[in-house]
Amino acid sequence: MDKTGSLFVTGNYEILSFEADFCGRAHLSALMNYLQEAARRHATQEKFSVFELAEKGLTWVVSRYHLLVSRYPRMGETILVKTWASGKHGFYALRDFEIFDERQERLAAATSSWMIIELASRRPVRVESLFPDELILEKRALEDDFPTLPIVERLDHRAVFRVMFEDLDYNRHVNNVVYSRWAVEGMPRDILFSGRPQELEINYRSEAFYGDEIEVITQSPEVPGGFWIQQVYNLASGKEVSRIRSRWKSYGQGED
């Protein structure tokens, strides 16, 4: 990892064989994992990681993610991931990301919104008093004020999954990257074998835990190239776990 100052960090990562799809390109979840790792490294560098927060009875949880991918890197390709804290408002802290290839061309941009919650009560706490101003770089990789995502109004596809042990993170609930995998795996087969996500928005609405049965319902776009709408539910509790909106592009489109 290259430490470039307290405002942001960069890290270089090689796309490994087990992170690539049948076309030899990185899975969406692989890119999301690298964003998460970059965020972890920055938070650790600044003594504000889940480990430091846990000592105070607190932890980080993600609320929103918005990712826009220009090109998926190939297996064996080295990418550079850059992240920084981009703002704080009430209960929410913002974090942005950029991914570059070896030619320094931007492959992807993302913005995200996070909360700090009490471990015992699961209630959010205001970030202003906890997150120092000097860590904020007021620059956005993607402009997004995170409006409410739409709900599924027409059921076109349905998929059910079980939360596995390896889906859990340090907080013992489902890791945020797993939601992106559910978004992909919840799509119809013909879509999966003809393209990949170009844009993804996730609203994390409740936690999921080991053994939970998860249902993903999907609504197809009204027009070609439009948005797919998904909702994720916990079948046991009936709670809405997340809302997802995505746009997909065909294999080969925009790739070199």
C-alpha atoms as a PDB file:
ATOM      1  CA  MET A   1       0.000   0.000   0.000  1.00  0.00           C
ATOM      2  CA  ASP A   2       1.170   3.520  -0.782  1.00  0.00           C
ATOM      3  CA  LYS A   3       0.357   5.954   2.020  1.00  0.00           C
ATOM      4  CA  THR A   4      -0.205   9.290   0.303  1.00  0.00           C
ATOM      5  CA  GLY A   5      -1.228  11.350   3.314  1.00  0.00           C
ATOM      6  CA  SER A   6      -3.911  11.372   5.962  1.00  0.00           C
ATOM      7  CA  LEU A   7      -6.641  12.567   3.586  1.00  0.00           C
ATOM      8  CA  PHE A   8      -6.521   9.498   1.349  1.00  0.00           C
ATOM      9  CA  VAL A   9      -4.661   6.256   0.662  1.00  0.00           C
ATOM     10  CA  THR A  10      -3.954   4.276  -2.481  1.00  0.00           C
ATOM     11  CA  GLY A  11      -3.310   0.558  -2.873  1.00  0.00           C
ATOM     12  CA  ASN A  12      -2.259  -1.657  -5.779  1.00  0.00           C
ATOM     13  CA  TYR A  13      -3.981  -5.010  -6.282  1.00  0.00           C
ATOM     14  CA  GLU A  14      -3.662  -7.759  -8.877  1.00  0.00           C
ATOM     15  CA  ILE A  15      -6.856  -9.365 -10.185  1.00  0.00           C
ATOM     16  CA  LEU A  16      -6.386 -13.037  -9.280  1.00  0.00           C
ATOM     17  CA  SER A  17      -7.785 -16.056 -11.112  1.00  0.00           C
ATOM     18  CA  PHE A  18     -10.427 -16.815  -8.453  1.00  0.00           C
ATOM     19  CA  GLU A  19     -11.724 -13.232  -8.715  1.00  0.00           C
ATOM     20  CA  ALA A  20     -12.402 -13.447 -12.467  1.00  0.00           C
ATOM     21  CA  ASP A  21     -15.514 -14.555 -14.365  1.00  0.00           C
ATOM     22  CA  PHE A  22     -15.754 -16.918 -17.348  1.00  0.00           C
ATOM     23  CA  CYS A  23     -14.680 -14.038 -19.614  1.00  0.00           C
ATOM     24  CA  GLY A  24     -11.526 -13.425 -17.572  1.00  0.00           C
ATOM     25  CA  ARG A  25     -12.781 -10.131 -16.114  1.00  0.00           C
ATOM     26  CA  ALA A  26     -13.060  -9.232 -12.432  1.00  0.00           C
ATOM     27  CA  HIS A  27     -16.341 -10.063 -10.752  1.00  0.00           C
ATOM     28  CA  LEU A  28     -18.313  -7.113  -9.413  1.00  0.00           C
ATOM     29  CA  SER A  29     -17.858  -8.522  -5.895  1.00  0.00           C
ATOM     30  CA  ALA A  30     -14.063  -8.545  -6.405  1.00  0.00           C
ATOM     31  CA  LEU A  31     -14.099  -4.808  -7.109  1.00  0.00           C
ATOM     32  CA  MET A  32     -16.349  -4.236  -4.103  1.00  0.00           C
ATOM     33  CA  ASN A  33     -13.939  -6.241  -1.931  1.00  0.00           C
ATOM     34  CA  TYR A  34     -11.051  -4.016  -2.975  1.00  0.00           C
ATOM     35  CA  LEU A  35     -13.068  -0.903  -2.121  1.00  0.00           C
ATOM     36  CA  GLN A  36     -13.763  -2.373   1.297  1.00  0.00           C
ATOM     37  CA  GLU A  37     -10.102  -3.239   1.832  1.00  0.00           C
ATOM     38  CA  ALA A  38      -9.010   0.280   0.859  1.00  0.00           C
ATOM     39  CA  ALA A  39     -11.531   1.734   3.315  1.00  0.00           C
ATOM     40  CA  ARG A  40     -10.271  -0.596   6.053  1.00  0.00           C
ATOM     41  CA  ARG A  41      -6.653   0.418   5.466  1.00  0.00           C
ATOM     42  CA  HIS A  42      -7.486   4.109   5.579  1.00  0.00           C
ATOM     43  CA  ALA A  43      -9.560   3.743   8.757  1.00  0.00           C
ATOM     44  CA  THR A  44      -6.780   1.678  10.370  1.00  0.00           C
ATOM     45  CA  GLN A  45      -4.190   4.269   9.376  1.00  0.00           C
ATOM     46  CA  GLU A  46      -6.224   6.978  11.085  1.00  0.00           C
ATOM     47  CA  LYS A  47      -7.044   4.867  14.181  1.00  0.00           C
ATOM     48  CA  PHE A  48     -10.740   4.862  13.297  1.00  0.00           C
ATOM     49  CA  SER A  49     -11.339   1.271  12.254  1.00  0.00           C
ATOM     50  CA  VAL A  50     -13.954  -1.158  13.595  1.00  0.00           C
ATOM     51  CA  PHE A  51     -11.329  -2.390  16.048  1.00  0.00           C
ATOM     52  CA  GLU A  52     -10.769   1.043  17.620  1.00  0.00           C
ATOM     53  CA  LEU A  53     -14.506   1.742  17.620  1.00  0.00           C
ATOM     54  CA  ALA A  54     -15.247  -1.630  19.243  1.00  0.00           C
ATOM     55  CA  GLU A  55     -13.239  -0.528  22.273  1.00  0.00           C
ATOM     56  CA  LYS A  56     -15.811   2.269  22.671  1.00  0.00           C
ATOM     57  CA  GLY A  57     -18.795  -0.016  22.148  1.00  0.00           C
ATOM     58  CA  LEU A  58     -19.317   1.265  18.590  1.00  0.00           C
ATOM     59  CA  THR A  59     -18.922   0.035  15.019  1.00  0.00           C
ATOM     60  CA  TRP A  60     -19.201   1.127  11.386  1.00  0.00           C
ATOM     61  CA  VAL A  61     -22.114   0.010   9.169  1.00  0.00           C
ATOM     62  CA  VAL A  62     -22.661   0.966   5.554  1.00  0.00           C
ATOM     63  CA  SER A  63     -25.910   2.647   4.524  1.00  0.00           C
ATOM     64  CA  ARG A  64     -25.565   3.315   0.785  1.00  0.00           C
ATOM     65  CA  TYR A  65     -23.255   2.441  -2.103  1.00  0.00           C
ATOM     66  CA  HIS A  66     -23.207   3.792  -5.656  1.00  0.00           C
ATOM     67  CA  LEU A  67     -20.680   2.296  -8.080  1.00  0.00           C
ATOM     68  CA  LEU A  68     -20.138   3.189 -11.738  1.00  0.00           C
ATOM     69  CA  VAL A  69     -17.821   0.942 -13.777  1.00  0.00           C
ATOM     70  CA  SER A  70     -16.302   2.099 -17.070  1.00  0.00           C
ATOM     71  CA  ARG A  71     -14.284  -1.074 -17.667  1.00  0.00           C
ATOM     72  CA  TYR A  72     -13.836  -4.314 -15.734  1.00  0.00           C
ATOM     73  CA  PRO A  73     -10.130  -5.188 -15.331  1.00  0.00           C
ATOM     74  CA  ARG A  74      -8.772  -8.468 -16.680  1.00  0.00           C
ATOM     75  CA  MET A  75      -7.334 -11.368 -14.698  1.00  0.00           C
ATOM     76  CA  GLY A  76      -3.656 -10.602 -14.015  1.00  0.00           C
ATOM     77  CA  GLU A  77      -4.152  -6.864 -14.435  1.00  0.00           C
ATOM     78  CA  THR A  78      -2.998  -4.599 -11.604  1.00  0.00           C
ATOM     79  CA  ILE A  79      -5.381  -1.904 -10.426  1.00  0.00           C
ATOM     80  CA  LEU A  80      -4.891   1.079  -8.147  1.00  0.00           C
ATOM     81  CA  VAL A  81      -7.645   1.900  -5.645  1.00  0.00           C
ATOM     82  CA  LYS A  82      -7.862   5.336  -4.041  1.00  0.00           C
ATOM     83  CA  THR A  83     -10.204   6.277  -1.199  1.00  0.00           C
ATOM     84  CA  TRP A  84     -10.919   9.245   1.024  1.00  0.00           C
ATOM     85  CA  ALA A  85     -13.497  10.520   3.500  1.00  0.00           C
ATOM     86  CA  SER A  86     -15.575  12.999   1.505  1.00  0.00           C
ATOM     87  CA  GLY A  87     -18.004  14.496   4.034  1.00  0.00           C
ATOM     88  CA  LYS A  88     -20.130  14.057   7.137  1.00  0.00           C
ATOM     89  CA  HIS A  89     -23.744  15.037   7.732  1.00  0.00           C
ATOM     90  CA  GLY A  90     -25.651  14.236  10.918  1.00  0.00           C
ATOM     91  CA  PHE A  91     -25.603  10.464  11.313  1.00  0.00           C
ATOM     92  CA  TYR A  92     -23.776   9.854   8.021  1.00  0.00           C
ATOM     93  CA  ALA A  93     -20.117   9.872   6.988  1.00  0.00           C
ATOM     94  CA  LEU A  94     -19.325   9.810   3.267  1.00  0.00           C
ATOM     95  CA  ARG A  95     -16.481   7.883   1.639  1.00  0.00           C
ATOM     96  CA  ASP A  96     -15.537   7.986  -2.037  1.00  0.00           C
ATOM     97  CA  PHE A  97     -13.363   5.752  -4.225  1.00  0.00           C
ATOM     98  CA  GLU A  98     -11.662   5.636  -7.611  1.00  0.00           C
ATOM     99  CA  ILE A  99     -10.105   2.653  -9.407  1.00  0.00           C
ATOM    100  CA  PHE A 100      -7.400   3.156 -12.055  1.00  0.00           C
ATOM    101  CA  ASP A 101      -5.580   0.819 -14.432  1.00  0.00           C
ATOM    102  CA  GLU A 102      -1.831   0.728 -15.127  1.00  0.00           C
ATOM    103  CA  ARG A 103      -2.237   3.470 -17.747  1.00  0.00           C
ATOM    104  CA  GLN A 104      -3.806   5.669 -15.050  1.00  0.00           C
ATOM    105  CA  GLU A 105      -7.171   5.539 -16.808  1.00  0.00           C
ATOM    106  CA  ARG A 106     -10.127   5.514 -14.429  1.00  0.00           C
ATOM    107  CA  LEU A 107     -11.953   2.188 -14.464  1.00  0.00           C
ATOM    108  CA  ALA A 108     -14.568   2.883 -11.796  1.00  0.00           C
ATOM    109  CA  ALA A 109     -15.835   5.476  -9.349  1.00  0.00           C
ATOM    110  CA  ALA A 110     -17.900   4.991  -6.223  1.00  0.00           C
ATOM    111  CA  THR A 111     -19.420   6.915  -3.361  1.00  0.00           C
ATOM    112  CA  SER A 112     -20.781   5.520  -0.127  1.00  0.00           C
ATOM    113  CA  SER A 113     -22.538   6.553   3.062  1.00  0.00           C
ATOM    114  CA  TRP A 114     -21.730   5.058   6.473  1.00  0.00           C
ATOM    115  CA  MET A 115     -23.085   5.218  10.016  1.00  0.00           C
ATOM    116  CA  ILE A 116     -21.579   4.591  13.428  1.00  0.00           C
ATOM    117  CA  ILE A 117     -23.874   2.562  15.665  1.00  0.00           C
ATOM    118  CA  GLU A 118     -23.803   1.406  19.280  1.00  0.00           C
ATOM    119  CA  LEU A 119     -23.031  -2.298  19.439  1.00  0.00           C
ATOM    120  CA  ALA A 120     -25.417  -2.959  22.321  1.00  0.00           C
ATOM    121  CA  SER A 121     -28.482  -1.013  21.174  1.00  0.00           C
ATOM    122  CA  ARG A 122     -27.769  -0.999  17.382  1.00  0.00           C
ATOM    123  CA  ARG A 123     -28.759   2.685  17.455  1.00  0.00           C
ATOM    124  CA  PRO A 124     -26.885   5.212  15.290  1.00  0.00           C
ATOM    125  CA  VAL A 125     -24.850   8.011  16.851  1.00  0.00           C
ATOM    126  CA  ARG A 126     -24.061  11.370  15.283  1.00  0.00           C
ATOM    127  CA  VAL A 127     -20.695  11.361  13.531  1.00  0.00           C
ATOM    128  CA  GLU A 128     -19.853  15.066  13.998  1.00  0.00           C
ATOM    129  CA  SER A 129     -18.508  14.590  17.501  1.00  0.00           C
ATOM    130  CA  LEU A 130     -16.631  11.382  16.638  1.00  0.00           C
ATOM    131  CA  PHE A 131     -15.160  11.965  13.177  1.00  0.00           C
ATOM    132  CA  PRO A 132     -12.563  14.799  13.004  1.00  0.00           C
ATOM    133  CA  ASP A 133     -12.896  17.533  10.360  1.00  0.00           C
ATOM    134  CA  GLU A 134      -9.227  17.272   9.363  1.00  0.00           C
ATOM    135  CA  LEU A 135      -9.858  13.831   7.827  1.00  0.00           C
ATOM    136  CA  ILE A 136     -12.383  15.202   5.308  1.00  0.00           C
ATOM    137  CA  LEU A 137     -11.417  15.871   1.691  1.00  0.00           C
ATOM    138  CA  GLU A 138     -14.390  17.664   0.146  1.00  0.00           C
ATOM    139  CA  LYS A 139     -14.236  15.966  -3.241  1.00  0.00           C
ATOM    140  CA  ARG A 140     -16.727  13.480  -4.687  1.00  0.00           C
ATOM    141  CA  ALA A 141     -15.895  10.697  -7.117  1.00  0.00           C
ATOM    142  CA  LEU A 142     -19.629  10.497  -7.912  1.00  0.00           C
ATOM    143  CA  GLU A 143     -22.177  13.181  -7.137  1.00  0.00           C
ATOM    144  CA  ASP A 144     -25.053  11.546  -5.285  1.00  0.00           C
ATOM    145  CA  ASP A 145     -27.253  12.779  -2.436  1.00  0.00           C
ATOM    146  CA  PHE A 146     -28.644   9.241  -2.038  1.00  0.00           C
ATOM    147  CA  PRO A 147     -32.369   9.640  -2.763  1.00  0.00           C
ATOM    148  CA  THR A 148     -34.735   6.813  -1.830  1.00  0.00           C
ATOM    149  CA  LEU A 149     -34.435   3.892  -4.232  1.00  0.00           C
ATOM    150  CA  PRO A 150     -37.630   2.613  -5.903  1.00  0.00           C
ATOM    151  CA  ILE A 151     -39.452  -0.573  -4.946  1.00  0.00           C
ATOM    152  CA  VAL A 152     -40.349  -3.529  -7.159  1.00  0.00           C
ATOM    153  CA  GLU A 153     -43.806  -2.964  -8.622  1.00  0.00           C
ATOM    154  CA  ARG A 154     -43.851  -5.956 -10.990  1.00  0.00           C
ATOM    155  CA  LEU A 155     -42.297  -9.308 -10.103  1.00  0.00           C
ATOM    156  CA  ASP A 156     -40.352 -10.589 -13.120  1.00  0.00           C
ATOM    157  CA  HIS A 157     -37.845 -12.850 -11.395  1.00  0.00           C
ATOM    158  CA  ARG A 158     -37.269 -14.381  -7.962  1.00  0.00           C
ATOM    159  CA  ALA A 159     -34.272 -16.078  -6.308  1.00  0.00           C
ATOM    160  CA  VAL A 160     -33.685 -17.438  -2.787  1.00  0.00           C
ATOM    161  CA  PHE A 161     -30.358 -17.789  -0.965  1.00  0.00           C
ATOM    162  CA  ARG A 162     -29.142 -18.936   2.438  1.00  0.00           C
ATOM    163  CA  VAL A 163     -26.668 -16.806   4.422  1.00  0.00           C
ATOM    164  CA  MET A 164     -23.449 -18.798   4.680  1.00  0.00           C
ATOM    165  CA  PHE A 165     -20.812 -18.673   7.416  1.00  0.00           C
ATOM    166  CA  GLU A 166     -18.319 -17.070   5.011  1.00  0.00           C
ATOM    167  CA  ASP A 167     -20.801 -14.254   4.319  1.00  0.00           C
ATOM    168  CA  LEU A 168     -20.279 -12.860   7.837  1.00  0.00           C
ATOM    169  CA  ASP A 169     -17.929 -10.017   8.765  1.00  0.00           C
ATOM    170  CA  TYR A 170     -16.264  -8.814  11.980  1.00  0.00           C
ATOM    171  CA  ASN A 171     -19.660  -7.629  13.280  1.00  0.00           C
ATOM    172  CA  ARG A 172     -21.085 -11.157  12.745  1.00  0.00           C
ATOM    173  CA  HIS A 173     -23.653  -9.954  10.240  1.00  0.00           C
ATOM    174  CA  VAL A 174     -23.598 -10.257   6.451  1.00  0.00           C
ATOM    175  CA  ASN A 175     -20.727  -8.316   4.911  1.00  0.00           C
ATOM    176  CA  ASN A 176     -21.789  -5.434   2.657  1.00  0.00           C
ATOM    177  CA  VAL A 177     -20.038  -6.964  -0.373  1.00  0.00           C
ATOM    178  CA  VAL A 178     -22.332 -10.013  -0.197  1.00  0.00           C
ATOM    179  CA  TYR A 179     -25.306  -7.790  -1.063  1.00  0.00           C
ATOM    180  CA  SER A 180     -23.669  -6.993  -4.413  1.00  0.00           C
ATOM    181  CA  ARG A 181     -23.305 -10.729  -5.020  1.00  0.00           C
ATOM    182  CA  TRP A 182     -26.986 -11.258  -4.237  1.00  0.00           C
ATOM    183  CA  ALA A 183     -27.801  -8.477  -6.716  1.00  0.00           C
ATOM    184  CA  VAL A 184     -25.930 -10.328  -9.455  1.00  0.00           C
ATOM    185  CA  GLU A 185     -27.036 -13.860  -8.539  1.00  0.00           C
ATOM    186  CA  GLY A 186     -30.638 -12.670  -8.314  1.00  0.00           C
ATOM    187  CA  MET A 187     -30.726 -11.759 -12.011  1.00  0.00           C
ATOM    188  CA  PRO A 188     -32.222 -13.965 -14.753  1.00  0.00           C
ATOM    189  CA  ARG A 189     -29.833 -16.493 -16.327  1.00  0.00           C
ATOM    190  CA  ASP A 190     -29.911 -14.921 -19.799  1.00  0.00           C
ATOM    191  CA  ILE A 191     -28.835 -11.562 -18.378  1.00  0.00           C
ATOM    192  CA  LEU A 192     -25.945 -13.113 -16.428  1.00  0.00           C
ATOM    193  CA  PHE A 193     -24.572 -14.822 -19.530  1.00  0.00           C
ATOM    194  CA  SER A 194     -24.919 -11.796 -21.799  1.00  0.00           C
ATOM    195  CA  GLY A 195     -23.566  -8.883 -19.735  1.00  0.00           C
ATOM    196  CA  ARG A 196     -22.337  -7.433 -16.450  1.00  0.00           C
ATOM    197  CA  PRO A 197     -23.342  -4.502 -14.181  1.00  0.00           C
ATOM    198  CA  GLN A 198     -22.275  -1.066 -15.369  1.00  0.00           C
ATOM    199  CA  GLU A 199     -23.883   0.820 -12.502  1.00  0.00           C
ATOM    200  CA  LEU A 200     -25.005  -0.393  -9.086  1.00  0.00           C
ATOM    201  CA  GLU A 201     -26.783   1.361  -6.205  1.00  0.00           C
ATOM    202  CA  ILE A 202     -27.452  -0.403  -2.913  1.00  0.00           C
ATOM    203  CA  ASN A 203     -29.488   0.809   0.063  1.00  0.00           C
ATOM    204  CA  TYR A 204     -28.698  -1.351   3.117  1.00  0.00           C
ATOM    205  CA  ARG A 205     -31.859  -1.359   5.211  1.00  0.00           C
ATOM    206  CA  SER A 206     -31.425  -4.115   7.823  1.00  0.00           C
ATOM    207  CA  GLU A 207     -28.952  -6.738   8.942  1.00  0.00           C
ATOM    208  CA  ALA A 208     -28.888 -10.396   7.956  1.00  0.00           C
ATOM    209  CA  PHE A 209     -27.265 -13.190   9.934  1.00  0.00           C
ATOM    210  CA  TYR A 210     -25.971 -16.732   9.572  1.00  0.00           C
ATOM    211  CA  GLY A 211     -28.637 -19.173   8.399  1.00  0.00           C
ATOM    212  CA  ASP A 212     -31.147 -16.526   7.313  1.00  0.00           C
ATOM    213  CA  GLU A 213     -33.092 -17.352   4.135  1.00  0.00           C
ATOM    214  CA  ILE A 214     -32.897 -14.425   1.723  1.00  0.00           C
ATOM    215  CA  GLU A 215     -35.285 -13.679  -1.138  1.00  0.00           C
ATOM    216  CA  VAL A 216     -34.357 -11.391  -4.049  1.00  0.00           C
ATOM    217  CA  ILE A 217     -37.230 -10.115  -6.193  1.00  0.00           C
ATOM    218  CA  THR A 218     -36.450  -8.372  -9.464  1.00  0.00           C
ATOM    219  CA  GLN A 219     -38.213  -6.069 -11.904  1.00  0.00           C
ATOM    220  CA  SER A 220     -36.815  -5.764 -15.435  1.00  0.00           C
ATOM    221  CA  PRO A 221     -36.286  -2.373 -17.150  1.00  0.00           C
ATOM    222  CA  GLU A 222     -39.142  -0.630 -18.927  1.00  0.00           C
ATOM    223  CA  VAL A 223     -36.808   0.237 -21.823  1.00  0.00           C
ATOM    224  CA  PRO A 224     -33.574  -1.316 -23.182  1.00  0.00           C
ATOM    225  CA  GLY A 225     -30.582  -0.115 -21.184  1.00  0.00           C
ATOM    226  CA  GLY A 226     -32.806   0.993 -18.308  1.00  0.00           C
ATOM    227  CA  PHE A 227     -32.590   0.173 -14.630  1.00  0.00           C
ATOM    228  CA  TRP A 228     -33.224  -3.193 -13.020  1.00  0.00           C
ATOM    229  CA  ILE A 229     -34.996  -2.821  -9.658  1.00  0.00           C
ATOM    230  CA  GLN A 230     -34.490  -5.342  -6.852  1.00  0.00           C
ATOM    231  CA  GLN A 231     -35.587  -5.796  -3.259  1.00  0.00           C
ATOM    232  CA  VAL A 232     -34.060  -8.227  -0.812  1.00  0.00           C
ATOM    233  CA  TYR A 233     -36.086  -9.723   2.045  1.00  0.00           C
ATOM    234  CA  ASN A 234     -35.400 -11.905   5.064  1.00  0.00           C
ATOM    235  CA  LEU A 235     -38.016 -14.629   4.655  1.00  0.00           C
ATOM    236  CA  ALA A 236     -38.079 -15.542   8.357  1.00  0.00           C
ATOM    237  CA  SER A 237     -38.602 -12.030   9.741  1.00  0.00           C
ATOM    238  CA  GLY A 238     -40.268 -10.480   6.696  1.00  0.00           C
ATOM    239  CA  LYS A 239     -37.890  -7.509   6.973  1.00  0.00           C
ATOM    240  CA  GLU A 240     -36.655  -5.697   3.893  1.00  0.00           C
ATOM    241  CA  VAL A 241     -32.890  -6.183   3.892  1.00  0.00           C
ATOM    242  CA  SER A 242     -31.953  -3.916   0.977  1.00  0.00           C
ATOM    243  CA  ARG A 243     -33.039  -2.122  -2.179  1.00  0.00           C
ATOM    244  CA  ILE A 244     -30.903  -2.297  -5.297  1.00  0.00           C
ATOM    245  CA  ARG A 245     -30.913  -0.525  -8.642  1.00  0.00           C
ATOM    246  CA  SER A 246     -28.578  -1.462 -11.501  1.00  0.00           C
ATOM    247  CA  ARG A 247     -27.861  -0.974 -15.175  1.00  0.00           C
ATOM    248  CA  TRP A 248     -26.160  -3.692 -17.229  1.00  0.00           C
ATOM    249  CA  LYS A 249     -24.016  -3.626 -20.369  1.00  0.00           C
ATOM    250  CA  SER A 250     -23.334  -6.413 -22.840  1.00  0.00           C
ATOM    251  CA  TYR A 251     -20.067  -8.339 -22.804  1.00  0.00           C
ATOM    252  CA  GLY A 252     -17.518  -6.626 -25.032  1.00  0.00           C
ATOM    253  CA  GLN A 253     -19.209  -3.236 -24.763  1.00  0.00           C
ATOM    254  CA  GLY A 254     -16.635  -0.665 -23.670  1.00  0.00           C
ATOM    255  CA  GLU A 255     -13.893  -3.301 -23.181  1.00  0.00           C
ATOM    256  CA  ASP A 256     -10.452  -3.397 -24.757  1.00  0.00           C
END
